[in-house]
């Protein structure tokens, strides 16, 4: 249904990288979600009144909260699609994450209220009514929620949308929760066991878990989460595919919302190369990154001495010492400054996040290891962390 509506309502529906198509899909999915959730609320609320089931009634209000969540998501996509302005030069894409976080808060609040009501129902149980109509409403609800899970998950992956993926997870949890309600209704009818309140608690826990997952997935990019390893590897492959580039380091990825990524990195180039040709190459790579990964790139050229035998000898010597300390340590920007009494070795070392040694301890260990065999060498070392 979503694909058919997309074909009818807007052009370019197959171009998922197009910001306009992304916004249109977000608004469309939000509108469809509002409609379906309101229909489910009406059906379940009627079934809850007829059956006197707190679990069914609570599930109905969960769908009502989902409709409110769809409204927030729709508004969030609409606002996130606004063009950059003087106050927000990188656009408004992070509003999508904020709207997703608000949805998560609503889900959590609804889950907590349901748990309170369910506990009361356990303490004061009531007899449930039963009819084929109630069963039909619940089965239809499960089917609709499974469909909502499917289209939100499919489009969420294609658009790389945390908000849609959170909505998909919520729909899946809702389908499981309604299944629990259906089971409690059948058990109560055929056995007389009053498990309505217990199923209400189960539904409430499902809702709270869904809210927690949605909050986690939307807060993380707002706080500045690390980029996907696959994305980092793509950057590395594109840049180093040019033979003149000797290596890259100091990669930083800034996420200003889906489809609004800014990256900066240092590219090592031969120090004896033609500056104009190297500058032209860097411009070419920046355009390749923009066209291939849909991001803005800023690349700093780092000249590397490749013809001096003494520099190359000392560089390999230091690499061997670093491997003795930890094979995960890498090095870049190596250069030497010689003098009459000593030689300065200047370089940066790169360690993974969570490395067991403090920066000061690592620098001391490297300096001590090198000076043990070469007392005339003095080290000037900076410590960085790697994204790869």
Protein backbone atom coordinates (compact mmCIF):
# COMPACT_ATOMS: atom_id res chain seq x y z
CA UNK A 1 0.00 0.00 0.00
CA UNK A 2 2.81 2.42 0.88
CA UNK A 3 4.57 1.80 -2.44
CA UNK A 4 1.33 2.32 -4.38
CA UNK A 5 0.56 5.56 -2.54
CA UNK A 6 4.14 6.76 -3.11
CA UNK A 7 3.80 6.18 -6.86
CA UNK A 8 0.53 8.10 -6.93
CA UNK A 9 1.46 11.01 -4.65
CA UNK A 10 5.00 12.00 -5.60
CA UNK A 11 7.65 11.61 -8.28
CA UNK A 12 11.09 10.13 -7.70
CA UNK A 13 9.85 7.64 -5.12
CA UNK A 14 12.65 5.20 -6.05
CA UNK A 15 15.45 7.70 -5.35
CA UNK A 16 15.99 7.01 -1.64
CA UNK A 17 19.03 9.33 -1.46
CA UNK A 18 16.97 12.31 -2.52
CA UNK A 19 16.14 14.43 0.59
CA UNK A 20 12.77 15.37 -0.92
CA UNK A 21 11.84 11.69 -1.41
CA UNK A 22 12.98 10.92 2.13
CA UNK A 23 10.78 13.64 3.56
CA UNK A 24 7.82 12.54 1.43
CA UNK A 25 8.15 8.94 2.59
CA UNK A 26 8.39 10.06 6.22
CA UNK A 27 5.23 12.16 5.95
CA UNK A 28 3.39 9.41 4.07
CA UNK A 29 4.30 6.70 6.58
CA UNK A 30 3.35 9.02 9.44
CA UNK A 31 -0.06 9.72 7.88
CA UNK A 32 -0.75 6.03 7.22
CA UNK A 33 0.34 5.23 10.77
CA UNK A 34 -2.07 7.78 12.21
CA UNK A 35 -4.98 6.37 10.21
CA UNK A 36 -4.29 2.72 11.02
CA UNK A 37 -3.65 3.34 14.72
CA UNK A 38 -6.87 5.35 15.09
CA UNK A 39 -8.79 2.51 13.46
CA UNK A 40 -7.17 0.01 15.80
CA UNK A 41 -7.91 2.19 18.82
CA UNK A 42 -11.59 2.43 17.94
CA UNK A 43 -11.91 -1.32 17.37
CA UNK A 44 -10.02 -2.35 20.51
CA UNK A 45 -11.69 0.23 22.72
CA UNK A 46 -15.09 -1.13 21.66
CA UNK A 47 -13.88 -4.70 22.28
CA UNK A 48 -12.51 -3.72 25.70
CA UNK A 49 -15.81 -2.16 26.75
CA UNK A 50 -17.80 -5.17 25.59
CA UNK A 51 -15.48 -7.72 27.23
CA UNK A 52 -14.64 -5.69 30.35
CA UNK A 53 -10.96 -6.49 29.66
CA UNK A 54 -8.35 -4.12 31.04
CA UNK A 55 -5.71 -5.70 28.80
CA UNK A 56 -7.71 -5.02 25.63
CA UNK A 57 -8.62 -1.50 26.75
CA UNK A 58 -5.00 -0.78 27.66
CA UNK A 59 -3.88 -2.12 24.30
CA UNK A 60 -6.39 0.22 22.66
CA UNK A 61 -4.90 3.24 24.39
CA UNK A 62 -1.46 2.02 23.40
CA UNK A 63 -2.63 2.31 19.78
CA UNK A 64 -3.95 5.79 20.53
CA UNK A 65 -0.52 6.76 21.85
CA UNK A 66 0.96 5.24 18.67
CA UNK A 67 -1.27 7.57 16.64
CA UNK A 68 0.10 10.50 18.63
CA UNK A 69 3.59 9.18 18.03
CA UNK A 70 2.89 9.03 14.28
CA UNK A 71 1.82 12.68 14.39
CA UNK A 72 5.10 13.64 16.07
CA UNK A 73 7.06 11.57 13.54
CA UNK A 74 5.20 13.21 10.65
CA UNK A 75 5.91 16.70 12.00
CA UNK A 76 9.51 15.71 12.70
CA UNK A 77 10.11 14.57 9.12
CA UNK A 78 8.46 17.73 7.81
CA UNK A 79 10.63 20.01 9.96
CA UNK A 80 13.79 17.97 9.33
CA UNK A 81 13.35 18.57 5.60
CA UNK A 82 13.67 22.35 5.95
CA UNK A 83 16.52 23.95 4.05
CA UNK A 84 19.61 25.30 5.85
CA UNK A 85 19.40 28.85 7.16
CA UNK A 86 21.88 31.34 8.71
CA UNK A 87 21.23 29.92 12.20
CA UNK A 88 21.41 26.26 11.10
CA UNK A 89 23.88 26.11 8.19
CA UNK A 90 23.87 22.29 8.16
CA UNK A 91 20.10 21.98 8.00
CA UNK A 92 17.55 20.67 10.47
CA UNK A 93 18.02 16.92 10.04
CA UNK A 94 18.54 16.20 13.74
CA UNK A 95 14.92 17.16 14.40
CA UNK A 96 14.11 13.64 13.19
CA UNK A 97 16.08 12.26 16.14
CA UNK A 98 14.37 14.65 18.56
CA UNK A 99 10.92 13.61 17.33
CA UNK A 100 11.93 9.97 17.74
CA UNK A 101 13.01 10.68 21.31
CA UNK A 102 9.65 12.32 22.10
CA UNK A 103 7.91 9.24 20.71
CA UNK A 104 10.03 7.08 23.01
CA UNK A 105 9.03 9.17 26.05
CA UNK A 106 5.34 8.79 25.17
CA UNK A 107 5.76 5.03 24.80
CA UNK A 108 7.51 4.75 28.17
CA UNK A 109 4.84 6.81 29.96
CA UNK A 110 2.07 4.68 28.47
CA UNK A 111 3.87 1.52 29.54
CA UNK A 112 4.26 2.72 33.13
CA UNK A 113 0.57 3.68 33.38
CA UNK A 114 -0.44 0.30 31.99
CA UNK A 115 1.66 -1.49 34.60
CA UNK A 116 -0.08 0.47 37.38
CA UNK A 117 -3.54 -0.35 36.03
CA UNK A 118 -2.66 -4.02 35.56
CA UNK A 119 -1.50 -4.38 39.16
CA UNK A 120 -4.86 -2.96 40.28
CA UNK A 121 -6.61 -5.48 38.02
CA UNK A 122 -4.70 -8.34 39.63
CA UNK A 123 -5.73 -7.18 43.10
CA UNK A 124 -9.37 -6.67 42.04
CA UNK A 125 -10.10 -9.10 39.17
CA UNK A 126 -13.32 -8.87 37.13
CA UNK A 127 -15.06 -11.42 34.92
CA UNK A 128 -14.43 -11.01 31.18
CA UNK A 129 -17.06 -11.22 28.45
CA UNK A 130 -16.35 -13.17 25.27
CA UNK A 131 -17.59 -13.01 21.69
CA UNK A 132 -16.36 -13.93 18.18
CA UNK A 133 -16.30 -10.20 17.34
CA UNK A 134 -13.65 -9.60 19.99
CA UNK A 135 -11.49 -12.36 18.53
CA UNK A 136 -11.84 -10.94 15.02
CA UNK A 137 -10.86 -7.44 16.21
CA UNK A 138 -7.76 -8.75 17.98
CA UNK A 139 -6.66 -10.93 15.03
CA UNK A 140 -7.13 -8.03 12.61
CA UNK A 141 -5.11 -5.80 14.97
CA UNK A 142 -2.23 -8.28 15.03
CA UNK A 143 -2.24 -8.48 11.23
CA UNK A 144 -2.28 -4.68 10.83
CA UNK A 145 0.59 -4.23 13.29
CA UNK A 146 2.64 -6.88 11.48
CA UNK A 147 2.08 -4.96 8.24
CA UNK A 148 3.12 -1.69 9.91
CA UNK A 149 6.24 -3.43 11.21
CA UNK A 150 7.05 -4.65 7.71
CA UNK A 151 6.75 -1.36 5.84
CA UNK A 152 8.43 0.74 8.54
CA UNK A 153 11.33 -1.69 8.80
CA UNK A 154 11.74 -1.95 5.02
CA UNK A 155 11.70 1.80 4.44
CA UNK A 156 13.70 2.48 7.61
CA UNK A 157 16.56 0.37 6.25
CA UNK A 158 16.37 1.89 2.78
CA UNK A 159 16.29 5.45 4.15
CA UNK A 160 18.64 4.73 7.09
CA UNK A 161 16.02 6.24 9.40
CA UNK A 162 16.35 5.59 13.13
CA UNK A 163 12.84 7.01 13.66
CA UNK A 164 11.24 4.56 11.22
CA UNK A 165 13.20 1.61 12.60
CA UNK A 166 12.05 2.57 16.11
CA UNK A 167 8.47 2.73 14.86
CA UNK A 168 8.92 -0.71 13.29
CA UNK A 169 10.18 -2.14 16.59
CA UNK A 170 7.21 -0.56 18.36
CA UNK A 171 4.79 -2.13 15.87
CA UNK A 172 6.40 -5.54 16.35
CA UNK A 173 6.12 -5.21 20.14
CA UNK A 174 2.49 -4.17 19.75
CA UNK A 175 1.74 -7.28 17.68
CA UNK A 176 3.29 -9.47 20.38
CA UNK A 177 1.42 -7.58 23.08
CA UNK A 178 -1.92 -7.99 21.31
CA UNK A 179 -1.16 -11.67 20.87
CA UNK A 180 -0.75 -11.90 24.65
CA UNK A 181 -4.12 -10.15 25.09
CA UNK A 182 -5.72 -12.61 22.68
CA UNK A 183 -4.28 -15.53 24.63
CA UNK A 184 -5.55 -14.13 27.95
CA UNK A 185 -9.04 -13.71 26.49
CA UNK A 186 -9.11 -17.29 25.23
CA UNK A 187 -7.69 -18.70 28.48
CA UNK A 188 -10.23 -16.77 30.54
CA UNK A 189 -13.13 -18.00 28.40
CA UNK A 190 -12.19 -21.68 28.27
CA UNK A 191 -10.60 -22.17 31.71
CA UNK A 192 -11.99 -19.37 33.86
CA UNK A 193 -8.50 -18.33 34.97
CA UNK A 194 -8.21 -14.59 35.63
CA UNK A 195 -4.91 -13.80 33.90
CA UNK A 196 -6.10 -10.51 32.39
CA UNK A 197 -4.08 -8.37 34.80
CA UNK A 198 -0.97 -10.51 34.35
CA UNK A 199 -1.23 -10.17 30.57
CA UNK A 200 -1.67 -6.43 31.06
CA UNK A 201 1.66 -6.41 32.93
CA UNK A 202 3.22 -8.35 30.08
CA UNK A 203 1.87 -5.81 27.58
CA UNK A 204 3.17 -2.97 29.75
CA UNK A 205 6.64 -4.51 29.87
CA UNK A 206 6.64 -4.91 26.09
CA UNK A 207 5.71 -1.24 25.72
CA UNK A 208 8.41 -0.09 28.17
CA UNK A 209 11.04 -2.20 26.41
CA UNK A 210 10.00 -0.74 23.06
CA UNK A 211 10.22 2.79 24.50
CA UNK A 212 13.68 2.10 25.90
CA UNK A 213 14.90 0.80 22.55
CA UNK A 214 13.48 3.80 20.70
CA UNK A 215 15.08 6.22 23.17
CA UNK A 216 18.45 4.49 22.88
CA UNK A 217 18.40 4.57 19.07
CA UNK A 218 17.52 8.27 18.91
CA UNK A 219 19.68 9.61 21.75
CA UNK A 220 22.84 7.94 20.49
CA UNK A 221 23.15 9.98 17.24
CA UNK A 222 22.28 13.16 19.14
CA UNK A 223 25.19 12.51 21.50
CA UNK A 224 27.54 11.90 18.57
CA UNK A 225 27.80 8.15 18.06
CA UNK A 226 30.67 6.59 16.17
CA UNK A 227 30.06 6.06 12.43
CA UNK A 228 29.40 2.59 11.06
CA UNK A 229 32.58 0.62 10.40
CA UNK A 230 31.30 -0.07 6.89
CA UNK A 231 30.97 3.67 6.22
CA UNK A 232 34.49 4.34 7.53
CA UNK A 233 35.85 1.54 5.37
CA UNK A 234 34.10 2.98 2.30
CA UNK A 235 35.78 6.33 2.94
CA UNK A 236 39.16 4.65 3.31
CA UNK A 237 38.69 2.61 0.12
CA UNK A 238 37.65 5.63 -1.97
CA UNK A 239 40.54 7.83 -0.80
CA UNK A 240 43.30 5.23 -0.94
CA UNK A 241 42.16 3.93 -4.33
CA UNK A 242 44.31 6.76 -5.74
CA UNK A 243 47.91 5.57 -5.81
CA UNK A 244 49.30 9.00 -4.95
CA UNK A 245 47.56 8.86 -1.55
CA UNK A 246 49.90 7.05 0.84
CA UNK A 247 47.41 6.74 3.70
CA UNK A 248 44.76 8.57 5.74
CA UNK A 249 44.35 9.44 9.41
CA UNK A 250 42.50 11.81 11.76
CA UNK A 251 39.15 10.91 10.19
CA UNK A 252 36.18 12.70 11.78
CA UNK A 253 32.54 12.10 10.82
CA UNK A 254 29.94 14.70 11.80
CA UNK A 255 26.29 13.63 11.57
CA UNK A 256 23.81 16.50 11.27
CA UNK A 257 20.87 14.21 10.57
CA UNK A 258 20.12 11.50 8.00
CA UNK A 259 21.62 12.44 4.64
CA UNK A 260 23.57 15.36 6.15
CA UNK A 261 27.06 14.09 6.89
CA UNK A 262 30.28 16.10 7.00
CA UNK A 263 33.63 14.33 7.08
CA UNK A 264 37.19 15.61 7.49
CA UNK A 265 40.43 13.67 7.21
CA UNK A 266 44.15 13.98 6.63
CA UNK A 267 45.51 12.41 3.43
CA UNK A 268 49.22 11.61 3.24
CA UNK A 269 50.87 12.64 -0.03
CA UNK A 270 54.51 12.61 -1.24
CA UNK A 271 56.37 15.68 0.03
CA UNK A 272 58.16 16.04 -3.31
CA UNK A 273 54.95 15.99 -5.39
CA UNK A 274 53.66 18.87 -7.50
CA UNK A 275 51.47 20.98 -5.20
CA UNK A 276 49.02 21.95 -7.94
CA UNK A 277 48.54 18.37 -9.09
CA UNK A 278 48.08 17.19 -5.51
CA UNK A 279 45.53 19.93 -4.86
CA UNK A 280 43.60 18.90 -7.95
CA UNK A 281 43.66 15.27 -6.79
CA UNK A 282 42.30 16.24 -3.37
CA UNK A 283 39.46 18.18 -5.03
CA UNK A 284 38.66 15.13 -7.16
CA UNK A 285 38.52 12.86 -4.11
CA UNK A 286 36.25 15.29 -2.25
CA UNK A 287 33.82 15.20 -5.17
CA UNK A 288 33.99 11.40 -5.32
CA UNK A 289 33.10 11.17 -1.64
CA UNK A 290 30.21 13.58 -2.10
CA UNK A 291 28.79 11.75 -5.12
CA UNK A 292 29.33 8.22 -3.77
CA UNK A 293 28.49 8.60 -0.07
CA UNK A 294 26.25 11.69 -0.21
CA UNK A 295 28.44 13.64 2.20
CA UNK A 296 30.52 16.81 2.30
CA UNK A 297 34.24 16.18 2.65
CA UNK A 298 37.15 18.38 3.72
CA UNK A 299 40.60 16.85 3.19
CA UNK A 300 43.87 18.17 4.61
CA UNK A 301 47.06 17.25 2.76
CA UNK A 302 49.88 15.86 4.91
CA UNK A 303 53.25 15.81 3.08
CA UNK A 304 55.22 12.66 3.80
CA UNK A 305 58.92 12.23 3.09
CA UNK A 306 59.33 9.14 0.91
CA UNK A 307 62.82 9.60 -0.54
CA UNK A 308 65.02 10.10 2.53
CA UNK A 309 66.65 6.81 3.54
CA UNK A 310 67.39 7.86 7.12
CA UNK A 311 63.77 8.94 7.72
CA UNK A 312 62.46 5.70 6.27
CA UNK A 313 64.91 3.64 8.36
CA UNK A 314 63.91 5.34 11.60
CA UNK A 315 60.24 5.09 10.70
CA UNK A 316 60.44 1.32 10.30
CA UNK A 317 62.50 1.10 13.49
CA UNK A 318 59.81 2.93 15.48
CA UNK A 319 57.06 0.80 13.93
CA UNK A 320 58.84 -2.29 15.22
CA UNK A 321 59.03 -0.84 18.72
CA UNK A 322 55.30 0.03 18.65
CA UNK A 323 54.44 -3.54 17.62
CA UNK A 324 56.38 -4.82 20.64
CA UNK A 325 54.14 -2.76 22.94
CA UNK A 326 50.84 -3.56 21.17
CA UNK A 327 50.21 -4.62 17.57
CA UNK A 328 47.09 -2.44 17.41
CA UNK A 329 49.14 0.78 17.68
CA UNK A 330 49.71 2.59 14.39
CA UNK A 331 51.67 5.70 13.50
CA UNK A 332 51.46 8.65 11.11
CA UNK A 333 53.03 12.06 10.41
CA UNK A 334 56.53 10.75 11.12
CA UNK A 335 59.40 13.17 10.62
CA UNK A 336 62.84 13.81 12.09
CA UNK A 337 64.81 16.88 13.09
CA UNK A 338 68.53 16.19 13.41
CA UNK A 339 71.01 18.15 15.52
CA UNK A 340 74.65 17.93 16.62
CA UNK A 341 73.88 16.15 19.92
CA UNK A 342 70.49 14.44 19.42
CA UNK A 343 67.70 13.71 16.93
CA UNK A 344 64.03 14.53 17.51
CA UNK A 345 61.55 11.90 16.32
CA UNK A 346 58.18 13.58 15.84
CA UNK A 347 55.08 11.47 15.16
CA UNK A 348 51.50 10.66 16.16
CA UNK A 349 50.41 7.26 17.42
CA UNK A 350 46.87 5.93 17.04
CA UNK A 351 45.25 3.57 19.56
CA UNK A 352 41.73 2.08 19.70
CA UNK A 353 39.15 3.42 22.15
CA UNK A 354 39.36 1.57 25.44
CA UNK A 355 43.10 1.08 25.15
CA UNK A 356 44.32 -0.12 28.61
CA UNK A 357 47.19 2.37 28.93
CA UNK A 358 46.77 6.08 29.66
CA UNK A 359 48.26 8.47 27.10
CA UNK A 360 51.07 9.49 29.45
CA UNK A 361 51.92 5.86 30.20
CA UNK A 362 51.95 4.98 26.50
CA UNK A 363 54.20 7.91 25.58
CA UNK A 364 56.57 6.99 28.41
CA UNK A 365 56.63 3.36 27.31
CA UNK A 366 57.36 4.25 23.68
CA UNK A 367 60.05 6.78 24.60
CA UNK A 368 61.70 4.39 27.04
CA UNK A 369 61.73 1.53 24.54
CA UNK A 370 63.31 3.63 21.79
CA UNK A 371 65.85 5.41 24.00
CA UNK A 372 66.96 2.11 25.53
CA UNK A 373 68.69 1.27 22.26
CA UNK A 374 69.14 4.83 20.97
CA UNK A 375 69.93 7.31 23.81
CA UNK A 376 70.42 10.19 21.37
CA UNK A 377 66.80 10.02 20.16
CA UNK A 378 64.19 12.30 21.73
CA UNK A 379 60.49 11.76 21.14
CA UNK A 380 57.69 14.27 20.48
CA UNK A 381 54.54 12.12 20.46
CA UNK A 382 50.80 12.87 20.17
CA UNK A 383 48.23 10.17 20.96
CA UNK A 384 45.04 9.84 18.88
CA UNK A 385 42.11 7.40 18.86
CA UNK A 386 41.02 5.55 15.76
CA UNK A 387 37.51 5.18 14.32
CA UNK A 388 38.38 2.02 12.40
